[in-house]
N, C-alpha and C. Protein backbone atom coordinates (compact mmCIF):
# COMPACT_ATOMS: atom_id res chain seq x y z
N MET A 1 2.82 -3.28 45.34
CA MET A 1 2.80 -2.91 46.75
C MET A 1 3.76 -1.71 46.91
N PRO A 2 3.23 -0.64 47.53
CA PRO A 2 4.13 0.46 47.73
C PRO A 2 5.27 0.21 48.65
N ALA A 3 6.38 0.78 48.32
CA ALA A 3 7.60 0.58 49.21
C ALA A 3 7.34 1.36 50.51
N THR A 4 7.81 0.76 51.59
CA THR A 4 7.74 1.32 52.90
C THR A 4 9.16 1.42 53.42
N ALA A 5 9.55 2.68 53.87
CA ALA A 5 10.90 2.82 54.38
C ALA A 5 11.16 1.96 55.49
N GLY A 6 12.36 1.32 55.50
CA GLY A 6 12.82 0.46 56.63
C GLY A 6 12.24 -0.95 56.55
N ILE A 7 11.51 -1.26 55.49
CA ILE A 7 10.92 -2.61 55.43
C ILE A 7 11.65 -3.44 54.33
N THR A 8 12.16 -4.59 54.76
CA THR A 8 12.74 -5.57 53.76
C THR A 8 11.76 -6.71 53.62
N GLU A 9 11.27 -6.82 52.43
CA GLU A 9 10.32 -7.92 52.15
C GLU A 9 10.89 -8.77 51.05
N ILE A 10 11.18 -9.99 51.37
CA ILE A 10 11.79 -10.92 50.35
C ILE A 10 10.64 -11.62 49.66
N ILE A 11 9.69 -12.05 50.40
CA ILE A 11 8.50 -12.78 49.92
C ILE A 11 7.38 -11.85 49.90
N THR A 12 6.61 -11.79 48.72
CA THR A 12 5.55 -10.86 48.50
C THR A 12 4.25 -11.61 48.42
N PRO A 13 3.08 -10.94 48.52
CA PRO A 13 1.81 -11.54 48.41
C PRO A 13 1.59 -12.30 47.05
N SER A 14 2.33 -11.80 46.01
CA SER A 14 2.22 -12.44 44.70
C SER A 14 3.21 -13.53 44.43
N SER A 15 4.11 -13.82 45.39
CA SER A 15 5.00 -14.92 45.28
C SER A 15 4.21 -16.19 45.20
N ILE A 16 4.70 -17.17 44.40
CA ILE A 16 4.01 -18.43 44.22
C ILE A 16 4.47 -19.41 45.32
N VAL A 17 3.54 -20.14 45.90
CA VAL A 17 3.80 -21.02 46.99
C VAL A 17 4.92 -22.00 46.69
N ASN A 18 4.82 -22.77 45.57
CA ASN A 18 5.82 -23.77 45.24
C ASN A 18 7.21 -23.18 44.93
N GLU A 19 7.22 -22.02 44.27
CA GLU A 19 8.44 -21.35 43.99
C GLU A 19 9.16 -20.89 45.28
N THR A 20 8.34 -20.36 46.20
CA THR A 20 8.84 -19.96 47.53
C THR A 20 9.44 -21.12 48.28
N LEU A 21 8.75 -22.32 48.20
CA LEU A 21 9.31 -23.44 48.89
C LEU A 21 10.59 -23.98 48.27
N ARG A 22 10.70 -23.89 46.93
CA ARG A 22 11.91 -24.32 46.26
C ARG A 22 13.10 -23.36 46.61
N GLN A 23 12.82 -22.11 46.63
CA GLN A 23 13.83 -21.10 46.87
C GLN A 23 14.23 -21.05 48.38
N TYR A 24 13.23 -21.19 49.28
CA TYR A 24 13.39 -21.05 50.68
C TYR A 24 12.76 -22.30 51.40
N PRO A 25 13.45 -23.43 51.43
CA PRO A 25 12.91 -24.65 51.97
C PRO A 25 12.45 -24.45 53.51
N GLU A 26 13.09 -23.53 54.21
CA GLU A 26 12.71 -23.23 55.59
C GLU A 26 11.32 -22.75 55.74
N THR A 27 10.65 -22.32 54.58
CA THR A 27 9.26 -21.85 54.77
C THR A 27 8.24 -22.99 54.86
N ALA A 28 8.70 -24.21 54.61
CA ALA A 28 7.75 -25.31 54.66
C ALA A 28 6.99 -25.40 55.96
N THR A 29 7.71 -25.28 57.06
CA THR A 29 7.11 -25.28 58.38
C THR A 29 6.08 -24.17 58.59
N VAL A 30 6.33 -22.99 58.08
CA VAL A 30 5.33 -21.88 58.12
C VAL A 30 4.06 -22.25 57.38
N PHE A 31 4.27 -22.69 56.10
CA PHE A 31 3.11 -23.06 55.29
C PHE A 31 2.30 -24.10 56.05
N ASN A 32 2.93 -25.10 56.66
CA ASN A 32 2.20 -26.12 57.42
C ASN A 32 1.52 -25.61 58.58
N GLN A 33 2.07 -24.67 59.36
CA GLN A 33 1.53 -24.07 60.46
C GLN A 33 0.27 -23.30 60.15
N PHE A 34 0.25 -22.70 58.99
CA PHE A 34 -0.89 -21.94 58.54
C PHE A 34 -1.90 -22.74 57.75
N GLY A 35 -1.61 -24.02 57.53
CA GLY A 35 -2.58 -24.89 56.85
C GLY A 35 -2.63 -24.70 55.29
N ILE A 36 -1.52 -24.20 54.74
CA ILE A 36 -1.50 -23.83 53.33
C ILE A 36 -1.27 -25.11 52.48
N ASP A 37 -2.04 -25.46 51.57
CA ASP A 37 -1.94 -26.63 50.71
C ASP A 37 -0.88 -26.29 49.63
N ALA A 38 0.28 -26.87 49.80
CA ALA A 38 1.37 -26.67 48.93
C ALA A 38 1.51 -27.78 47.90
N CYS A 39 0.69 -28.85 48.04
CA CYS A 39 0.70 -29.99 47.11
C CYS A 39 -0.15 -29.61 45.88
N CYS A 40 -1.49 -29.70 46.07
CA CYS A 40 -2.35 -29.46 44.91
C CYS A 40 -2.57 -27.95 44.61
N GLY A 41 -2.36 -27.17 45.70
CA GLY A 41 -2.63 -25.78 45.51
C GLY A 41 -1.35 -24.87 45.46
N GLY A 42 -0.23 -25.50 45.26
CA GLY A 42 1.03 -24.78 45.30
C GLY A 42 1.39 -23.90 44.11
N ALA A 43 0.51 -23.92 43.06
CA ALA A 43 0.78 -23.06 41.96
C ALA A 43 0.15 -21.69 42.05
N ALA A 44 -0.50 -21.46 43.14
CA ALA A 44 -1.19 -20.18 43.46
C ALA A 44 -0.27 -19.22 44.22
N SER A 45 -0.63 -17.94 44.20
CA SER A 45 0.14 -16.95 44.94
C SER A 45 -0.09 -17.15 46.46
N ILE A 46 0.78 -16.63 47.24
CA ILE A 46 0.64 -16.72 48.66
C ILE A 46 -0.62 -16.11 49.15
N SER A 47 -0.94 -14.95 48.64
CA SER A 47 -2.22 -14.28 49.03
C SER A 47 -3.43 -15.12 48.63
N ASP A 48 -3.50 -15.64 47.44
CA ASP A 48 -4.61 -16.39 47.06
C ASP A 48 -4.69 -17.71 47.89
N SER A 49 -3.57 -18.30 48.13
CA SER A 49 -3.54 -19.55 48.87
C SER A 49 -4.04 -19.38 50.29
N ALA A 50 -3.58 -18.23 50.91
CA ALA A 50 -4.01 -17.98 52.29
C ALA A 50 -5.54 -17.69 52.33
N ILE A 51 -6.05 -17.02 51.40
CA ILE A 51 -7.54 -16.79 51.40
C ILE A 51 -8.23 -18.11 51.14
N ARG A 52 -7.78 -18.90 50.29
CA ARG A 52 -8.37 -20.15 49.88
C ARG A 52 -8.35 -21.12 51.08
N ASP A 53 -7.25 -21.12 51.85
CA ASP A 53 -7.10 -22.10 52.90
C ASP A 53 -7.49 -21.56 54.24
N GLY A 54 -8.05 -20.35 54.30
CA GLY A 54 -8.56 -19.83 55.54
C GLY A 54 -7.48 -19.20 56.45
N ALA A 55 -6.36 -18.80 55.96
CA ALA A 55 -5.28 -18.22 56.77
C ALA A 55 -5.28 -16.69 56.59
N ASP A 56 -4.76 -15.96 57.54
CA ASP A 56 -4.67 -14.54 57.53
C ASP A 56 -3.46 -14.23 56.59
N PRO A 57 -3.65 -13.58 55.39
CA PRO A 57 -2.59 -13.31 54.44
C PRO A 57 -1.48 -12.49 55.08
N LYS A 58 -1.80 -11.51 55.83
CA LYS A 58 -0.80 -10.61 56.45
C LYS A 58 0.07 -11.38 57.43
N ALA A 59 -0.56 -12.16 58.30
CA ALA A 59 0.19 -12.99 59.29
C ALA A 59 1.12 -13.96 58.60
N LEU A 60 0.54 -14.63 57.55
CA LEU A 60 1.35 -15.58 56.78
C LEU A 60 2.50 -14.98 56.14
N LEU A 61 2.33 -13.81 55.52
CA LEU A 61 3.44 -13.16 54.84
C LEU A 61 4.56 -12.73 55.91
N ASN A 62 4.07 -12.16 56.92
CA ASN A 62 5.08 -11.81 58.02
C ASN A 62 5.84 -12.96 58.53
N ALA A 63 5.16 -14.11 58.73
CA ALA A 63 5.89 -15.32 59.23
C ALA A 63 6.81 -15.88 58.24
N LEU A 64 6.43 -15.87 56.97
CA LEU A 64 7.35 -16.32 55.90
C LEU A 64 8.57 -15.50 55.80
N ASN A 65 8.39 -14.19 55.83
CA ASN A 65 9.56 -13.22 55.72
C ASN A 65 10.43 -13.37 56.98
N LEU A 66 9.86 -13.65 58.12
CA LEU A 66 10.72 -13.84 59.28
C LEU A 66 11.46 -15.12 59.18
N ALA A 67 10.86 -16.14 58.59
CA ALA A 67 11.51 -17.48 58.44
C ALA A 67 12.77 -17.36 57.51
N VAL A 68 12.78 -16.43 56.56
CA VAL A 68 13.89 -16.29 55.66
C VAL A 68 14.82 -15.14 56.07
N GLY A 69 14.64 -14.59 57.18
CA GLY A 69 15.49 -13.49 57.74
C GLY A 69 15.18 -12.09 57.30
N ALA A 70 14.05 -11.87 56.79
CA ALA A 70 13.59 -10.52 56.44
C ALA A 70 12.91 -9.92 57.58
N HIS A 71 12.68 -8.62 57.49
CA HIS A 71 11.96 -7.87 58.53
C HIS A 71 10.46 -8.13 58.20
N THR A 72 9.57 -7.92 59.22
CA THR A 72 8.18 -8.09 58.90
C THR A 72 7.67 -6.91 57.99
N VAL A 73 6.64 -7.17 57.31
CA VAL A 73 6.06 -6.16 56.39
C VAL A 73 5.04 -5.30 57.16
N ASP A 74 4.74 -4.15 56.66
CA ASP A 74 3.77 -3.28 57.19
C ASP A 74 2.43 -3.87 56.96
N ALA A 75 1.68 -4.23 57.96
CA ALA A 75 0.41 -4.92 57.90
C ALA A 75 -0.62 -4.18 57.02
N ASP A 76 -0.47 -2.87 56.97
CA ASP A 76 -1.42 -2.14 56.13
C ASP A 76 -1.14 -2.27 54.62
N ASN A 77 0.09 -2.64 54.28
CA ASN A 77 0.43 -2.77 52.91
C ASN A 77 0.47 -4.17 52.37
N ALA A 78 0.36 -5.20 53.31
CA ALA A 78 0.41 -6.61 52.84
C ALA A 78 -0.99 -7.01 52.56
N ALA A 79 -1.22 -7.59 51.42
CA ALA A 79 -2.55 -8.12 51.10
C ALA A 79 -2.49 -9.17 50.07
């Protein structure tokens, strides 16, 4: 993903759901709100999980980054 000036992104579309949950337990609520299956589907990337579970990948990524104290990502660059 290309760097965007002024954007701090801690969690990326390629981050793995279960790894993200281990590193940032506060994201569990966000994954639940978006209906992301972290049990059986937790080994997939955030982007793949969002698509699989019918969530908007850009909105999920923004919510996850906000939950861990990062700035939101540029919606045109998140996928």
